[in-house]
PDB file of N, CA and C in Angstrom:
ATOM      1  N   MET A   1      65.423 140.729  85.360  1.00  0.00           N
ATOM      2  CA  MET A   1      65.835 141.022  83.993  1.00  0.00           C
ATOM      3  C   MET A   1      65.932 139.716  83.211  1.00  0.00           C
ATOM      4  N   ILE A   2      65.381 139.700  82.033  1.00  0.00           N
ATOM      5  CA  ILE A   2      65.441 138.537  81.163  1.00  0.00           C
ATOM      6  C   ILE A   2      66.856 138.419  80.610  1.00  0.00           C
ATOM      7  N   LYS A   3      67.462 137.249  80.757  1.00  0.00           N
ATOM      8  CA  LYS A   3      68.797 137.038  80.210  1.00  0.00           C
ATOM      9  C   LYS A   3      68.685 136.304  78.879  1.00  0.00           C
ATOM     10  N   ASN A   4      69.580 136.627  78.003  1.00  0.00           N
ATOM     11  CA  ASN A   4      69.548 136.045  76.663  1.00  0.00           C
ATOM     12  C   ASN A   4      70.958 136.032  76.118  1.00  0.00           C
ATOM     13  N   ASN A   5      71.138 135.467  74.962  1.00  0.00           N
ATOM     14  CA  ASN A   5      72.446 135.452  74.321  1.00  0.00           C
ATOM     15  C   ASN A   5      72.460 136.187  73.000  1.00  0.00           C
ATOM     16  N   GLY A   6      71.321 136.741  72.598  1.00  0.00           N
ATOM     17  CA  GLY A   6      71.246 137.315  71.271  1.00  0.00           C
ATOM     18  C   GLY A   6      71.273 138.826  71.192  1.00  0.00           C
ATOM     19  N   TRP A   7      70.799 139.534  72.215  1.00  0.00           N
ATOM     20  CA  TRP A   7      70.723 140.985  72.150  1.00  0.00           C
ATOM     21  C   TRP A   7      71.014 141.547  73.535  1.00  0.00           C
ATOM     22  N   CYS A   8      71.251 142.846  73.596  1.00  0.00           N
ATOM     23  CA  CYS A   8      71.595 143.463  74.874  1.00  0.00           C
ATOM     24  C   CYS A   8      70.353 143.603  75.754  1.00  0.00           C
ATOM     25  N   ASP A   9      70.577 143.627  77.048  1.00  0.00           N
ATOM     26  CA  ASP A   9      69.496 143.786  78.009  1.00  0.00           C
ATOM     27  C   ASP A   9      68.912 145.195  77.943  1.00  0.00           C
ATOM     28  N   LEU A  10      67.719 145.337  78.495  1.00  0.00           N
ATOM     29  CA  LEU A  10      66.993 146.611  78.462  1.00  0.00           C
ATOM     30  C   LEU A  10      67.799 147.753  79.054  1.00  0.00           C
ATOM     31  N   GLU A  11      68.459 147.540  80.194  1.00  0.00           N
ATOM     32  CA  GLU A  11      69.204 148.621  80.840  1.00  0.00           C
ATOM     33  C   GLU A  11      70.259 149.213  79.903  1.00  0.00           C
ATOM     34  N   TYR A  12      70.917 148.373  79.109  1.00  0.00           N
ATOM     35  CA  TYR A  12      71.928 148.867  78.177  1.00  0.00           C
ATOM     36  C   TYR A  12      71.275 149.515  76.960  1.00  0.00           C
ATOM     37  N   ALA A  13      70.160 148.977  76.537  1.00  0.00           N
ATOM     38  CA  ALA A  13      69.431 149.552  75.404  1.00  0.00           C
ATOM     39  C   ALA A  13      68.985 150.976  75.721  1.00  0.00           C
ATOM     40  N   ILE A  14      68.490 151.194  76.933  1.00  0.00           N
ATOM     41  CA  ILE A  14      68.055 152.536  77.340  1.00  0.00           C
ATOM     42  C   ILE A  14      69.249 153.481  77.392  1.00  0.00           C
ATOM     43  N   GLU A  15      70.337 153.028  77.992  1.00  0.00           N
ATOM     44  CA  GLU A  15      71.517 153.890  78.107  1.00  0.00           C
ATOM     45  C   GLU A  15      72.100 154.234  76.737  1.00  0.00           C
ATOM     46  N   LEU A  16      72.132 153.269  75.828  1.00  0.00           N
ATOM     47  CA  LEU A  16      72.630 153.543  74.477  1.00  0.00           C
ATOM     48  C   LEU A  16      71.747 154.577  73.771  1.00  0.00           C
ATOM     49  N   ARG A  17      70.427 154.454  73.927  1.00  0.00           N
ATOM     50  CA  ARG A  17      69.526 155.441  73.325  1.00  0.00           C
ATOM     51  C   ARG A  17      69.769 156.823  73.928  1.00  0.00           C
ATOM     52  N   ASP A  18      69.908 156.879  75.256  1.00  0.00           N
ATOM     53  CA  ASP A  18      70.137 158.152  75.934  1.00  0.00           C
ATOM     54  C   ASP A  18      71.461 158.793  75.534  1.00  0.00           C
ATOM     55  N   LEU A  19      72.426 157.973  75.122  1.00  0.00           N
ATOM     56  CA  LEU A  19      73.729 158.485  74.667  1.00  0.00           C
ATOM     57  C   LEU A  19      73.708 158.889  73.195  1.00  0.00           C
ATOM     58  N   GLY A  20      72.559 158.732  72.548  1.00  0.00           N
ATOM     59  CA  GLY A  20      72.428 159.184  71.166  1.00  0.00           C
ATOM     60  C   GLY A  20      72.751 158.155  70.109  1.00  0.00           C
ATOM     61  N   VAL A  21      72.891 156.893  70.493  1.00  0.00           N
ATOM     62  CA  VAL A  21      73.140 155.852  69.497  1.00  0.00           C
ATOM     63  C   VAL A  21      71.868 155.689  68.662  1.00  0.00           C
ATOM     64  N   PRO A  22      71.976 155.752  67.332  1.00  0.00           N
ATOM     65  CA  PRO A  22      70.790 155.618  66.474  1.00  0.00           C
ATOM     66  C   PRO A  22      70.009 154.335  66.783  1.00  0.00           C
ATOM     67  N   GLN A  23      68.713 154.467  66.827  1.00  0.00           N
ATOM     68  CA  GLN A  23      67.831 153.351  67.167  1.00  0.00           C
ATOM     69  C   GLN A  23      67.425 152.614  65.898  1.00  0.00           C
ATOM     70  N   ASP A  24      68.341 151.830  65.366  1.00  0.00           N
ATOM     71  CA  ASP A  24      68.116 151.195  64.072  1.00  0.00           C
ATOM     72  C   ASP A  24      68.295 149.678  64.097  1.00  0.00           C
ATOM     73  N   SER A  25      68.128 149.085  65.287  1.00  0.00           N
ATOM     74  CA  SER A  25      68.253 147.639  65.400  1.00  0.00           C
ATOM     75  C   SER A  25      67.051 146.937  64.781  1.00  0.00           C
ATOM     76  N   LEU A  26      67.263 145.700  64.389  1.00  0.00           N
ATOM     77  CA  LEU A  26      66.158 144.887  63.907  1.00  0.00           C
ATOM     78  C   LEU A  26      65.242 144.489  65.071  1.00  0.00           C
ATOM     79  N   TRP A  27      65.799 144.383  66.281  1.00  0.00           N
ATOM     80  CA  TRP A  27      65.047 143.947  67.455  1.00  0.00           C
ATOM     81  C   TRP A  27      64.838 145.103  68.400  1.00  0.00           C
ATOM     82  N   TRP A  28      63.728 145.055  69.140  1.00  0.00           N
ATOM     83  CA  TRP A  28      63.349 146.159  70.019  1.00  0.00           C
ATOM     84  C   TRP A  28      62.863 145.659  71.372  1.00  0.00           C
ATOM     85  N   TRP A  29      63.109 146.475  72.375  1.00  0.00           N
ATOM     86  CA  TRP A  29      62.399 146.357  73.639  1.00  0.00           C
ATOM     87  C   TRP A  29      61.233 147.331  73.522  1.00  0.00           C
ATOM     88  N   ILE A  30      60.022 146.882  73.808  1.00  0.00           N
ATOM     89  CA  ILE A  30      58.823 147.713  73.711  1.00  0.00           C
ATOM     90  C   ILE A  30      58.179 147.802  75.094  1.00  0.00           C
ATOM     91  N   GLU A  31      57.960 149.032  75.574  1.00  0.00           N
ATOM     92  CA  GLU A  31      57.283 149.232  76.843  1.00  0.00           C
ATOM     93  C   GLU A  31      55.814 149.493  76.550  1.00  0.00           C
ATOM     94  N   SER A  32      54.967 148.680  77.113  1.00  0.00           N
ATOM     95  CA  SER A  32      53.551 148.767  76.794  1.00  0.00           C
ATOM     96  C   SER A  32      52.731 148.546  78.047  1.00  0.00           C
ATOM     97  N   LYS A  33      51.420 148.551  77.887  1.00  0.00           N
ATOM     98  CA  LYS A  33      50.522 148.303  79.014  1.00  0.00           C
ATOM     99  C   LYS A  33      49.506 147.261  78.603  1.00  0.00           C
ATOM    100  N   ASP A  34      49.125 146.429  79.569  1.00  0.00           N
ATOM    101  CA  ASP A  34      48.072 145.471  79.284  1.00  0.00           C
ATOM    102  C   ASP A  34      46.712 146.109  79.585  1.00  0.00           C
ATOM    103  N   THR A  35      45.657 145.350  79.470  1.00  0.00           N
ATOM    104  CA  THR A  35      44.311 145.899  79.635  1.00  0.00           C
ATOM    105  C   THR A  35      44.037 146.378  81.057  1.00  0.00           C
ATOM    106  N   LYS A  36      44.814 145.908  82.025  1.00  0.00           N
ATOM    107  CA  LYS A  36      44.628 146.345  83.406  1.00  0.00           C
ATOM    108  C   LYS A  36      45.557 147.503  83.769  1.00  0.00           C
ATOM    109  N   GLY A  37      46.316 147.994  82.811  1.00  0.00           N
ATOM    110  CA  GLY A  37      47.203 149.118  83.055  1.00  0.00           C
ATOM    111  C   GLY A  37      48.584 148.757  83.548  1.00  0.00           C
ATOM    112  N   HIS A  38      48.907 147.464  83.625  1.00  0.00           N
ATOM    113  CA  HIS A  38      50.241 147.047  84.051  1.00  0.00           C
ATOM    114  C   HIS A  38      51.240 147.258  82.919  1.00  0.00           C
ATOM    115  N   ILE A  39      52.392 147.780  83.260  1.00  0.00           N
ATOM    116  CA  ILE A  39      53.440 147.987  82.258  1.00  0.00           C
ATOM    117  C   ILE A  39      54.256 146.701  82.139  1.00  0.00           C
ATOM    118  N   TYR A  40      54.570 146.317  80.929  1.00  0.00           N
ATOM    119  CA  TYR A  40      55.402 145.141  80.701  1.00  0.00           C
ATOM    120  C   TYR A  40      56.338 145.413  79.538  1.00  0.00           C
ATOM    121  N   LEU A  41      57.302 144.569  79.388  1.00  0.00           N
ATOM    122  CA  LEU A  41      58.258 144.706  78.300  1.00  0.00           C
ATOM    123  C   LEU A  41      58.153 143.507  77.385  1.00  0.00           C
ATOM    124  N   ALA A  42      58.104 143.782  76.112  1.00  0.00           N
ATOM    125  CA  ALA A  42      58.086 142.721  75.104  1.00  0.00           C
ATOM    126  C   ALA A  42      59.315 142.903  74.239  1.00  0.00           C
ATOM    127  N   GLN A  43      59.808 141.835  73.704  1.00  0.00           N
ATOM    128  CA  GLN A  43      60.932 141.941  72.810  1.00  0.00           C
ATOM    129  C   GLN A  43      60.568 141.252  71.512  1.00  0.00           C
ATOM    130  N   GLY A  44      61.021 141.802  70.439  1.00  0.00           N
ATOM    131  CA  GLY A  44      60.710 141.196  69.165  1.00  0.00           C
ATOM    132  C   GLY A  44      61.034 142.127  68.025  1.00  0.00           C
ATOM    133  N   CYS A  45      60.643 141.721  66.872  1.00  0.00           N
ATOM    134  CA  CYS A  45      60.898 142.484  65.661  1.00  0.00           C
ATOM    135  C   CYS A  45      59.624 143.246  65.321  1.00  0.00           C
ATOM    136  N   TYR A  46      59.687 144.569  65.347  1.00  0.00           N
ATOM    137  CA  TYR A  46      58.522 145.399  65.094  1.00  0.00           C
ATOM    138  C   TYR A  46      58.787 146.322  63.913  1.00  0.00           C
ATOM    139  N   ARG A  47      57.822 146.402  63.032  1.00  0.00           N
ATOM    140  CA  ARG A  47      57.914 147.345  61.926  1.00  0.00           C
ATOM    141  C   ARG A  47      57.130 148.597  62.302  1.00  0.00           C
ATOM    142  N   GLU A  48      57.414 149.686  61.635  1.00  0.00           N
ATOM    143  CA  GLU A  48      56.735 150.947  61.912  1.00  0.00           C
ATOM    144  C   GLU A  48      55.219 150.789  61.824  1.00  0.00           C
ATOM    145  N   ARG A  49      54.739 150.064  60.830  1.00  0.00           N
ATOM    146  CA  ARG A  49      53.285 149.928  60.699  1.00  0.00           C
ATOM    147  C   ARG A  49      52.684 149.152  61.857  1.00  0.00           C
ATOM    148  N   ASP A  50      53.462 148.221  62.464  1.00  0.00           N
ATOM    149  CA  ASP A  50      52.979 147.519  63.651  1.00  0.00           C
ATOM    150  C   ASP A  50      52.754 148.504  64.794  1.00  0.00           C
ATOM    151  N   LEU A  51      53.687 149.447  64.964  1.00  0.00           N
ATOM    152  CA  LEU A  51      53.576 150.421  66.046  1.00  0.00           C
ATOM    153  C   LEU A  51      52.437 151.404  65.794  1.00  0.00           C
ATOM    154  N   VAL A  52      52.243 151.793  64.546  1.00  0.00           N
ATOM    155  CA  VAL A  52      51.132 152.692  64.202  1.00  0.00           C
ATOM    156  C   VAL A  52      49.808 151.984  64.476  1.00  0.00           C
ATOM    157  N   GLU A  53      49.709 150.731  64.088  1.00  0.00           N
ATOM    158  CA  GLU A  53      48.488 149.955  64.332  1.00  0.00           C
ATOM    159  C   GLU A  53      48.245 149.808  65.832  1.00  0.00           C
ATOM    160  N   TYR A  54      49.302 149.547  66.580  1.00  0.00           N
ATOM    161  CA  TYR A  54      49.190 149.430  68.033  1.00  0.00           C
ATOM    162  C   TYR A  54      48.669 150.730  68.629  1.00  0.00           C
ATOM    163  N   GLU A  55      49.246 151.847  68.174  1.00  0.00           N
ATOM    164  CA  GLU A  55      48.837 153.153  68.677  1.00  0.00           C
ATOM    165  C   GLU A  55      47.365 153.416  68.380  1.00  0.00           C
ATOM    166  N   MET A  56      46.916 153.020  67.203  1.00  0.00           N
ATOM    167  CA  MET A  56      45.527 153.253  66.821  1.00  0.00           C
ATOM    168  C   MET A  56      44.568 152.398  67.664  1.00  0.00           C
ATOM    169  N   THR A  57      44.965 151.171  67.994  1.00  0.00           N
ATOM    170  CA  THR A  57      44.061 150.302  68.757  1.00  0.00           C
ATOM    171  C   THR A  57      44.147 150.540  70.258  1.00  0.00           C
ATOM    172  N   LYS A  58      45.323 150.880  70.770  1.00  0.00           N
ATOM    173  CA  LYS A  58      45.501 151.052  72.219  1.00  0.00           C
ATOM    174  C   LYS A  58      45.417 152.505  72.675  1.00  0.00           C
ATOM    175  N   GLY A  59      45.571 153.446  71.749  1.00  0.00           N
ATOM    176  CA  GLY A  59      45.459 154.850  72.111  1.00  0.00           C
ATOM    177  C   GLY A  59      46.758 155.517  72.531  1.00  0.00           C
ATOM    178  N   PHE A  60      47.858 154.829  72.477  1.00  0.00           N
ATOM    179  CA  PHE A  60      49.156 155.440  72.776  1.00  0.00           C
ATOM    180  C   PHE A  60      50.251 154.688  72.046  1.00  0.00           C
ATOM    181  N   ARG A  61      51.365 155.364  71.858  1.00  0.00           N
ATOM    182  CA  ARG A  61      52.513 154.741  71.196  1.00  0.00           C
ATOM    183  C   ARG A  61      53.476 154.270  72.284  1.00  0.00           C
ATOM    184  N   PRO A  62      53.851 152.994  72.261  1.00  0.00           N
ATOM    185  CA  PRO A  62      54.737 152.482  73.307  1.00  0.00           C
ATOM    186  C   PRO A  62      56.154 153.035  73.187  1.00  0.00           C
ATOM    187  N   GLN A  63      56.837 153.121  74.333  1.00  0.00           N
ATOM    188  CA  GLN A  63      58.260 153.464  74.326  1.00  0.00           C
ATOM    189  C   GLN A  63      58.986 152.306  73.675  1.00  0.00           C
ATOM    190  N   GLN A  64      60.010 152.618  72.907  1.00  0.00           N
ATOM    191  CA  GLN A  64      60.774 151.555  72.278  1.00  0.00           C
ATOM    192  C   GLN A  64      62.260 151.858  72.349  1.00  0.00           C
ATOM    193  N   TYR A  65      63.031 150.803  72.498  1.00  0.00           N
ATOM    194  CA  TYR A  65      64.480 150.913  72.616  1.00  0.00           C
ATOM    195  C   TYR A  65      65.097 149.829  71.748  1.00  0.00           C
ATOM    196  N   SER A  66      66.100 150.172  70.962  1.00  0.00           N
ATOM    197  CA  SER A  66      66.782 149.171  70.144  1.00  0.00           C
ATOM    198  C   SER A  66      67.436 148.128  71.035  1.00  0.00           C
ATOM    199  N   ALA A  67      67.121 146.866  70.801  1.00  0.00           N
ATOM    200  CA  ALA A  67      67.746 145.740  71.506  1.00  0.00           C
ATOM    201  C   ALA A  67      68.833 145.204  70.578  1.00  0.00           C
ATOM    202  N   PHE A  68      69.961 145.895  70.564  1.00  0.00           N
ATOM    203  CA  PHE A  68      71.018 145.586  69.616  1.00  0.00           C
ATOM    204  C   PHE A  68      71.532 144.162  69.758  1.00  0.00           C
ATOM    205  N   THR A  69      71.707 143.507  68.632  1.00  0.00           N
ATOM    206  CA  THR A  69      72.298 142.173  68.624  1.00  0.00           C
ATOM    207  C   THR A  69      73.811 142.300  68.746  1.00  0.00           C
ATOM    208  N   LEU A  70      74.447 141.199  69.017  1.00  0.00           N
ATOM    209  CA  LEU A  70      75.903 141.179  69.103  1.00  0.00           C
ATOM    210  C   LEU A  70      76.521 141.699  67.802  1.00  0.00           C
ATOM    211  N   ALA A  71      76.022 141.247  66.674  1.00  0.00           N
ATOM    212  CA  ALA A  71      76.565 141.687  65.380  1.00  0.00           C
ATOM    213  C   ALA A  71      76.376 143.181  65.184  1.00  0.00           C
ATOM    214  N   GLU A  72      75.211 143.715  65.551  1.00  0.00           N
ATOM    215  CA  GLU A  72      74.956 145.155  65.396  1.00  0.00           C
ATOM    216  C   GLU A  72      75.881 145.977  66.288  1.00  0.00           C
ATOM    217  N   LEU A  73      76.132 145.489  67.499  1.00  0.00           N
ATOM    218  CA  LEU A  73      77.031 146.199  68.407  1.00  0.00           C
ATOM    219  C   LEU A  73      78.461 146.160  67.889  1.00  0.00           C
ATOM    220  N   ARG A  74      78.883 145.025  67.394  1.00  0.00           N
ATOM    221  CA  ARG A  74      80.257 144.909  66.874  1.00  0.00           C
ATOM    222  C   ARG A  74      80.489 145.837  65.693  1.00  0.00           C
ATOM    223  N   GLU A  75      79.463 146.052  64.883  1.00  0.00           N
ATOM    224  CA  GLU A  75      79.594 146.976  63.749  1.00  0.00           C
ATOM    225  C   GLU A  75      79.851 148.405  64.213  1.00  0.00           C
ATOM    226  N   ARG A  76      79.415 148.750  65.404  1.00  0.00           N
ATOM    227  CA  ARG A  76      79.546 150.113  65.923  1.00  0.00           C
ATOM    228  C   ARG A  76      80.850 150.345  66.683  1.00  0.00           C
ATOM    229  N   LEU A  77      81.527 149.269  67.049  1.00  0.00           N
ATOM    230  CA  LEU A  77      82.770 149.399  67.807  1.00  0.00           C
ATOM    231  C   LEU A  77      83.962 149.547  66.869  1.00  0.00           C
ATOM    232  N   PRO A  78      85.019 150.232  67.331  1.00  0.00           N
ATOM    233  CA  PRO A  78      86.231 150.318  66.517  1.00  0.00           C
ATOM    234  C   PRO A  78      86.733 148.922  66.179  1.00  0.00           C
ATOM    235  N   LYS A  79      87.161 148.728  64.964  1.00  0.00           N
ATOM    236  CA  LYS A  79      87.555 147.394  64.481  1.00  0.00           C
ATOM    237  C   LYS A  79      88.725 146.797  65.252  1.00  0.00           C
ATOM    238  N   GLN A  80      89.643 147.636  65.740  1.00  0.00           N
ATOM    239  CA  GLN A  80      90.832 147.131  66.413  1.00  0.00           C
ATOM    240  C   GLN A  80      90.581 146.791  67.881  1.00  0.00           C
ATOM    241  N   LEU A  81      89.383 147.075  68.393  1.00  0.00           N
ATOM    242  CA  LEU A  81      89.091 146.850  69.803  1.00  0.00           C
ATOM    243  C   LEU A  81      88.757 145.385  70.069  1.00  0.00           C
ATOM    244  N   ILE A  82      89.392 144.826  71.095  1.00  0.00           N
ATOM    245  CA  ILE A  82      89.116 143.450  71.506  1.00  0.00           C
ATOM    246  C   ILE A  82      88.324 143.521  72.803  1.00  0.00           C
ATOM    247  N   PRO A  83      87.149 142.874  72.867  1.00  0.00           N
ATOM    248  CA  PRO A  83      86.329 142.949  74.078  1.00  0.00           C
ATOM    249  C   PRO A  83      87.078 142.469  75.317  1.00  0.00           C
ATOM    250  N   THR A  84      87.101 143.334  76.360  1.00  0.00           N
ATOM    251  CA  THR A  84      87.761 142.973  77.608  1.00  0.00           C
ATOM    252  C   THR A  84      86.897 143.296  78.818  1.00  0.00           C
ATOM    253  N   ILE A  85      85.725 143.842  78.624  1.00  0.00           N
ATOM    254  CA  ILE A  85      84.839 144.204  79.735  1.00  0.00           C
ATOM    255  C   ILE A  85      83.975 143.001  80.081  1.00  0.00           C
ATOM    256  N   ASP A  86      83.854 142.722  81.382  1.00  0.00           N
ATOM    257  CA  ASP A  86      83.026 141.600  81.815  1.00  0.00           C
ATOM    258  C   ASP A  86      81.564 141.855  81.490  1.00  0.00           C
ATOM    259  N   GLY A  87      80.868 140.801  81.124  1.00  0.00           N
ATOM    260  CA  GLY A  87      79.440 140.873  80.877  1.00  0.00           C
ATOM    261  C   GLY A  87      78.862 139.473  80.979  1.00  0.00           C
ATOM    262  N   ASP A  88      77.594 139.380  81.343  1.00  0.00           N
ATOM    263  CA  ASP A  88      76.997 138.063  81.486  1.00  0.00           C
ATOM    264  C   ASP A  88      76.672 137.425  80.145  1.00  0.00           C
ATOM    265  N   THR A  89      76.552 138.229  79.096  1.00  0.00           N
ATOM    266  CA  THR A  89      76.426 137.703  77.735  1.00  0.00           C
ATOM    267  C   THR A  89      77.376 138.494  76.852  1.00  0.00           C
ATOM    268  N   GLU A  90      77.704 137.947  75.722  1.00  0.00           N
ATOM    269  CA  GLU A  90      78.625 138.648  74.823  1.00  0.00           C
ATOM    270  C   GLU A  90      78.005 139.941  74.301  1.00  0.00           C
ATOM    271  N   ALA A  91      76.692 139.935  74.059  1.00  0.00           N
ATOM    272  CA  ALA A  91      76.024 141.154  73.604  1.00  0.00           C
ATOM    273  C   ALA A  91      76.090 142.234  74.687  1.00  0.00           C
ATOM    274  N   ASN A  92      75.863 141.862  75.954  1.00  0.00           N
ATOM    275  CA  ASN A  92      75.954 142.837  77.035  1.00  0.00           C
ATOM    276  C   ASN A  92      77.370 143.362  77.195  1.00  0.00           C
ATOM    277  N   CYS A  93      78.358 142.503  77.016  1.00  0.00           N
ATOM    278  CA  CYS A  93      79.754 142.914  77.076  1.00  0.00           C
ATOM    279  C   CYS A  93      80.031 143.998  76.036  1.00  0.00           C
ATOM    280  N   ASN A  94      79.564 143.782  74.813  1.00  0.00           N
ATOM    281  CA  ASN A  94      79.766 144.769  73.751  1.00  0.00           C
ATOM    282  C   ASN A  94      78.957 146.033  73.999  1.00  0.00           C
ATOM    283  N   ALA A  95      77.760 145.914  74.556  1.00  0.00           N
ATOM    284  CA  ALA A  95      76.956 147.092  74.886  1.00  0.00           C
ATOM    285  C   ALA A  95      77.660 147.935  75.942  1.00  0.00           C
ATOM    286  N   LYS A  96      78.194 147.293  76.997  1.00  0.00           N
ATOM    287  CA  LYS A  96      78.923 148.016  78.039  1.00  0.00           C
ATOM    288  C   LYS A  96      80.131 148.743  77.453  1.00  0.00           C
ATOM    289  N   MET A  97      80.823 148.066  76.548  1.00  0.00           N
ATOM    290  CA  MET A  97      81.993 148.665  75.928  1.00  0.00           C
ATOM    291  C   MET A  97      81.618 149.907  75.125  1.00  0.00           C
ATOM    292  N   LEU A  98      80.554 149.814  74.335  1.00  0.00           N
ATOM    293  CA  LEU A  98      80.112 150.955  73.536  1.00  0.00           C
ATOM    294  C   LEU A  98      79.654 152.102  74.433  1.00  0.00           C
ATOM    295  N   ILE A  99      78.956 151.799  75.519  1.00  0.00           N
ATOM    296  CA  ILE A  99      78.530 152.829  76.470  1.00  0.00           C
ATOM    297  C   ILE A  99      79.746 153.536  77.053  1.00  0.00           C
ATOM    298  N   TRP A 100      80.733 152.762  77.493  1.00  0.00           N
ATOM    299  CA  TRP A 100      81.935 153.365  78.069  1.00  0.00           C
ATOM    300  C   TRP A 100      82.638 154.257  77.050  1.00  0.00           C
ATOM    301  N   LEU A 101      82.770 153.764  75.826  1.00  0.00           N
ATOM    302  CA  LEU A 101      83.435 154.551  74.789  1.00  0.00           C
ATOM    303  C   LEU A 101      82.683 155.842  74.493  1.00  0.00           C
ATOM    304  N   LYS A 102      81.359 155.781  74.389  1.00  0.00           N
ATOM    305  CA  LYS A 102      80.559 156.976  74.111  1.00  0.00           C
ATOM    306  C   LYS A 102      80.693 157.996  75.233  1.00  0.00           C
ATOM    307  N   LYS A 103      80.789 157.530  76.467  1.00  0.00           N
ATOM    308  CA  LYS A 103      80.884 158.430  77.609  1.00  0.00           C
ATOM    309  C   LYS A 103      82.276 159.024  77.776  1.00  0.00           C
ATOM    310  N   ASN A 104      83.309 158.309  77.327  1.00  0.00           N
ATOM    311  CA  ASN A 104      84.663 158.696  77.685  1.00  0.00           C
ATOM    312  C   ASN A 104      85.569 159.150  76.546  1.00  0.00           C
ATOM    313  N   VAL A 105      85.666 158.377  75.487  1.00  0.00           N
ATOM    314  CA  VAL A 105      86.715 158.702  74.529  1.00  0.00           C
ATOM    315  C   VAL A 105      86.325 158.633  73.081  1.00  0.00           C
ATOM    316  N   TYR A 106      85.313 157.920  72.759  1.00  0.00           N
ATOM    317  CA  TYR A 106      85.073 157.560  71.351  1.00  0.00           C
ATOM    318  C   TYR A 106      84.413 158.671  70.559  1.00  0.00           C
ATOM    319  N   GLU A 107      85.061 159.072  69.502  1.00  0.00           N
ATOM    320  CA  GLU A 107      84.468 159.978  68.534  1.00  0.00           C
ATOM    321  C   GLU A 107      83.954 159.149  67.373  1.00  0.00           C
ATOM    322  N   GLU A 108      82.810 159.475  66.891  1.00  0.00           N
ATOM    323  CA  GLU A 108      82.181 158.680  65.846  1.00  0.00           C
ATOM    324  C   GLU A 108      83.019 158.628  64.596  1.00  0.00           C
ATOM    325  N   GLU A 109      83.232 157.401  64.109  1.00  0.00           N
ATOM    326  CA  GLU A 109      83.946 157.233  62.849  1.00  0.00           C
ATOM    327  C   GLU A 109      82.999 157.412  61.687  1.00  0.00           C
ATOM    328  N   GLU A 110      81.796 156.876  61.834  1.00  0.00           N
ATOM    329  CA  GLU A 110      80.818 156.989  60.748  1.00  0.00           C
ATOM    330  C   GLU A 110      79.547 157.613  61.316  1.00  0.00           C
ATOM    331  N   ASP A 111      78.585 156.800  61.686  1.00  0.00           N
ATOM    332  CA  ASP A 111      77.333 157.349  62.199  1.00  0.00           C
ATOM    333  C   ASP A 111      76.944 156.698  63.513  1.00  0.00           C
ATOM    334  N   LEU A 112      77.875 156.566  64.441  1.00  0.00           N
ATOM    335  CA  LEU A 112      77.637 155.912  65.727  1.00  0.00           C
ATOM    336  C   LEU A 112      76.556 156.634  66.490  1.00  0.00           C
TER     337      LEU A 112
END
C-alpha cells in the first residue's frame, strides 16, 4: 500500500464508498488496466471529461474511489470530535474515525 500524508489509503476509500459517503473528493483512486491487462491503481485529480475520454480510448470506465484529503474528512466529522483513533497518517486516522461512526452511531448532520 502506498503511504502518504495527504489523502486516505485505498482500503479506507473503498470502505467509505461502500458505506455511502458521497464520492466528491478532489482526489481519486482509479483502478485501471495497462496494455497487458494488469490492474494498477493511480491517484490524482480527474475530471469527468478525463474519465469519459479514457473510456472512449480504452473501452471501459475505470473503478474510482474518492481519496479524501485530511481537510475533506474533517469537514465530514462532528465538529466537537477530537481524533483519538490510531492511524499511520492523520488522513487515515480521520478516515477510520468516519468509518467507525458511520457503522456505529453517527447520523448525518448534513449530507455525510
